[in-house]
N, C-alpha and C. Protein backbone atom coordinates (compact mmCIF):
# COMPACT_ATOMS: atom_id res chain seq x y z
N MET A 1 -14.20 6.55 -17.20
CA MET A 1 -12.59 6.51 -15.98
C MET A 1 -12.43 5.44 -15.36
N VAL A 2 -11.45 4.72 -15.48
CA VAL A 2 -11.50 3.91 -14.67
C VAL A 2 -10.28 3.67 -13.49
N THR A 3 -10.29 3.52 -12.38
CA THR A 3 -9.53 3.53 -11.13
C THR A 3 -8.94 1.94 -10.72
N LEU A 4 -7.88 1.48 -10.69
CA LEU A 4 -7.70 0.29 -10.31
C LEU A 4 -6.40 0.55 -9.33
N PHE A 5 -6.24 -0.35 -8.12
CA PHE A 5 -5.53 -0.19 -7.42
C PHE A 5 -5.05 -1.48 -6.64
N SER A 6 -4.16 -2.00 -6.65
CA SER A 6 -3.94 -3.11 -5.86
C SER A 6 -2.26 -3.22 -5.45
N ALA A 7 -2.05 -3.88 -4.25
CA ALA A 7 -0.38 -4.04 -4.03
C ALA A 7 -0.30 -5.52 -3.58
N PRO A 8 0.05 -6.17 -5.26
CA PRO A 8 -0.05 -7.52 -4.80
C PRO A 8 1.50 -7.76 -3.66
N ASN A 9 0.36 -9.15 -2.78
CA ASN A 9 1.36 -9.24 -1.61
C ASN A 9 1.95 -8.41 -0.62
N TYR A 10 1.09 -7.42 -0.61
CA TYR A 10 1.31 -6.36 0.30
C TYR A 10 2.26 -6.86 1.75
N CYS A 11 3.29 -6.06 1.95
CA CYS A 11 4.07 -6.72 3.32
C CYS A 11 4.08 -8.10 3.31
N GLY A 12 3.98 -8.74 2.58
CA GLY A 12 3.81 -10.28 2.59
C GLY A 12 2.64 -11.07 3.50
N GLU A 13 1.58 -10.05 3.88
CA GLU A 13 0.50 -10.67 4.39
C GLU A 13 -0.87 -11.06 3.84
N PHE A 14 -0.67 -10.58 2.34
CA PHE A 14 -2.11 -10.89 1.79
C PHE A 14 -1.44 -11.49 0.18
N ASP A 15 -2.39 -12.71 -0.15
CA ASP A 15 -2.12 -13.59 -1.41
C ASP A 15 -2.89 -13.06 -2.56
N ASN A 16 -3.02 -11.57 -2.83
CA ASN A 16 -3.89 -11.17 -3.70
C ASN A 16 -2.64 -10.74 -5.28
N ALA A 17 -3.59 -10.78 -6.41
CA ALA A 17 -2.78 -10.62 -7.50
C ALA A 17 -3.31 -8.99 -7.65
N GLY A 18 -2.77 -8.60 -8.74
CA GLY A 18 -2.51 -6.96 -9.39
C GLY A 18 -2.96 -7.30 -10.63
N ALA A 19 -3.58 -6.14 -11.51
CA ALA A 19 -4.06 -6.39 -12.86
C ALA A 19 -3.32 -4.90 -13.60
N MET A 20 -3.22 -5.00 -14.96
CA MET A 20 -2.77 -3.97 -15.61
C MET A 20 -4.08 -4.13 -16.61
N MET A 21 -4.52 -2.93 -16.99
CA MET A 21 -5.46 -2.63 -17.77
C MET A 21 -4.63 -1.97 -18.78
N SER A 22 -5.07 -2.37 -20.34
CA SER A 22 -4.83 -1.68 -21.74
C SER A 22 -6.13 -1.62 -22.09
N VAL A 23 -5.76 -0.50 -23.05
CA VAL A 23 -6.98 0.07 -23.97
C VAL A 23 -6.69 0.13 -25.24
N ASP A 24 -6.75 -0.36 -26.18
CA ASP A 24 -6.19 -0.50 -27.88
C ASP A 24 -6.87 0.77 -28.46
N ASP A 25 -6.52 1.29 -29.66
CA ASP A 25 -7.21 2.11 -30.58
C ASP A 25 -8.48 2.14 -30.96
N THR A 26 -9.34 0.92 -30.35
CA THR A 26 -10.41 0.44 -30.74
C THR A 26 -11.29 0.48 -29.41
N LEU A 27 -10.78 0.95 -28.33
CA LEU A 27 -11.24 1.36 -27.17
C LEU A 27 -11.50 -0.43 -26.50
N LEU A 28 -10.60 -1.29 -27.18
CA LEU A 28 -11.06 -2.66 -26.43
C LEU A 28 -10.12 -2.60 -25.49
N CYS A 29 -10.71 -3.19 -24.18
CA CYS A 29 -9.85 -3.20 -22.87
C CYS A 29 -9.49 -4.56 -22.51
N SER A 30 -8.34 -4.84 -22.20
CA SER A 30 -7.89 -6.28 -22.02
C SER A 30 -7.19 -6.09 -20.59
N PHE A 31 -6.90 -7.23 -19.68
CA PHE A 31 -6.24 -6.96 -18.58
C PHE A 31 -5.39 -8.12 -18.35
N GLN A 32 -4.07 -7.78 -17.92
CA GLN A 32 -3.05 -8.86 -17.58
C GLN A 32 -3.10 -8.81 -16.00
N ILE A 33 -3.13 -10.03 -15.58
CA ILE A 33 -2.94 -10.26 -14.37
C ILE A 33 -1.55 -10.37 -13.66
N LEU A 34 -1.54 -9.73 -12.59
CA LEU A 34 0.01 -9.58 -12.18
C LEU A 34 0.36 -10.62 -10.77
N LYS A 35 0.61 -11.66 -10.72
CA LYS A 35 0.72 -12.50 -9.40
C LYS A 35 1.64 -12.11 -8.66
N PRO A 36 1.48 -12.13 -7.67
CA PRO A 36 2.74 -11.68 -6.58
C PRO A 36 3.83 -12.75 -6.26
N ALA A 37 4.99 -11.90 -5.96
CA ALA A 37 6.07 -12.54 -6.19
C ALA A 37 6.31 -13.38 -4.78
N GLU A 38 7.34 -13.89 -4.83
CA GLU A 38 7.46 -14.81 -3.27
C GLU A 38 7.38 -14.11 -2.32
N LYS A 39 6.47 -14.72 -1.23
CA LYS A 39 6.35 -14.00 0.04
C LYS A 39 7.38 -13.67 0.74
N LYS A 40 7.40 -12.54 1.64
CA LYS A 40 8.59 -11.76 2.37
C LYS A 40 8.19 -12.17 3.74
N LYS A 41 8.88 -12.29 4.70
CA LYS A 41 8.46 -12.17 6.30
C LYS A 41 8.84 -11.03 6.78
N TYR A 42 8.92 -9.84 6.21
CA TYR A 42 9.05 -8.84 6.78
C TYR A 42 8.71 -7.54 5.86
N CYS A 43 8.61 -6.59 6.41
CA CYS A 43 8.16 -5.31 5.42
C CYS A 43 8.96 -4.29 5.87
N VAL A 44 9.50 -3.57 4.94
CA VAL A 44 10.60 -2.57 4.95
C VAL A 44 9.86 -1.40 4.99
N GLY A 45 10.19 -0.48 6.26
CA GLY A 45 9.46 1.00 6.24
C GLY A 45 8.07 0.80 6.99
N ILE A 46 7.64 -0.56 7.35
CA ILE A 46 6.32 -0.58 8.12
C ILE A 46 6.48 -0.94 9.44
N GLY A 47 6.11 -0.28 10.95
CA GLY A 47 6.27 -0.78 11.93
C GLY A 47 5.26 -1.86 12.36
N THR A 48 4.79 -1.58 13.61
CA THR A 48 3.81 -2.33 14.11
C THR A 48 2.12 -1.87 13.76
N GLY A 49 2.55 -0.44 13.55
CA GLY A 49 1.07 0.11 13.12
C GLY A 49 1.19 0.33 11.50
N SER A 50 0.07 0.87 10.88
CA SER A 50 -0.23 1.22 9.92
C SER A 50 0.07 2.73 9.49
N ARG A 51 0.17 3.60 10.26
CA ARG A 51 0.33 4.91 10.49
C ARG A 51 1.42 5.40 11.24
N PRO A 52 2.15 6.43 10.99
CA PRO A 52 3.10 6.95 11.89
C PRO A 52 2.70 7.43 13.40
N VAL A 53 3.55 7.00 14.27
CA VAL A 53 3.45 7.30 15.31
C VAL A 53 3.20 9.15 15.70
N THR A 54 2.38 9.58 16.50
CA THR A 54 2.44 11.21 16.99
C THR A 54 3.04 10.97 18.29
N PRO A 55 4.02 12.19 18.09
CA PRO A 55 4.51 12.31 19.02
C PRO A 55 4.01 12.74 20.83
N PRO A 56 4.18 12.64 21.76
CA PRO A 56 3.51 12.60 23.04
C PRO A 56 3.28 14.45 23.28
N ARG A 57 2.36 14.86 23.32
CA ARG A 57 2.37 16.12 23.76
C ARG A 57 2.92 16.39 25.37
N ASN A 58 3.04 17.80 25.37
CA ASN A 58 3.85 18.25 26.65
C ASN A 58 2.76 18.61 27.54
N THR A 59 2.47 18.29 28.61
CA THR A 59 1.31 18.46 29.63
C THR A 59 1.49 20.02 29.96
N LYS A 60 2.65 20.39 30.28
CA LYS A 60 3.12 21.61 30.83
C LYS A 60 3.70 22.48 29.73
N ALA A 61 3.46 23.53 29.90
CA ALA A 61 3.97 24.77 28.68
C ALA A 61 5.60 24.67 28.98
N LYS A 62 6.53 24.92 28.12
CA LYS A 62 7.74 25.26 28.50
C LYS A 62 7.99 26.67 29.19
N GLY A 63 8.59 27.04 30.26
CA GLY A 63 8.98 28.01 30.77
C GLY A 63 7.77 28.41 31.60
N LYS A 64 6.53 28.06 31.61
CA LYS A 64 5.35 28.45 32.57
C LYS A 64 5.14 27.38 33.36
N MET A 65 4.94 28.01 34.81
CA MET A 65 4.87 27.47 35.74
C MET A 65 3.93 28.26 36.84
């Protein structure tokens, strides 16, 4: 089993390449290098952090005082 993961030019921050592995009928493996596209200065859908913001908790329960 082979697991490959790469995000070429992820959010315009990294200058890495990706790869695609092919296996033929004789089980010979070959790789195709995927070079990153032109860098972008922004990343759609990603804010200042890499994970979603957790909503603030209420310190007082509603209707109870």
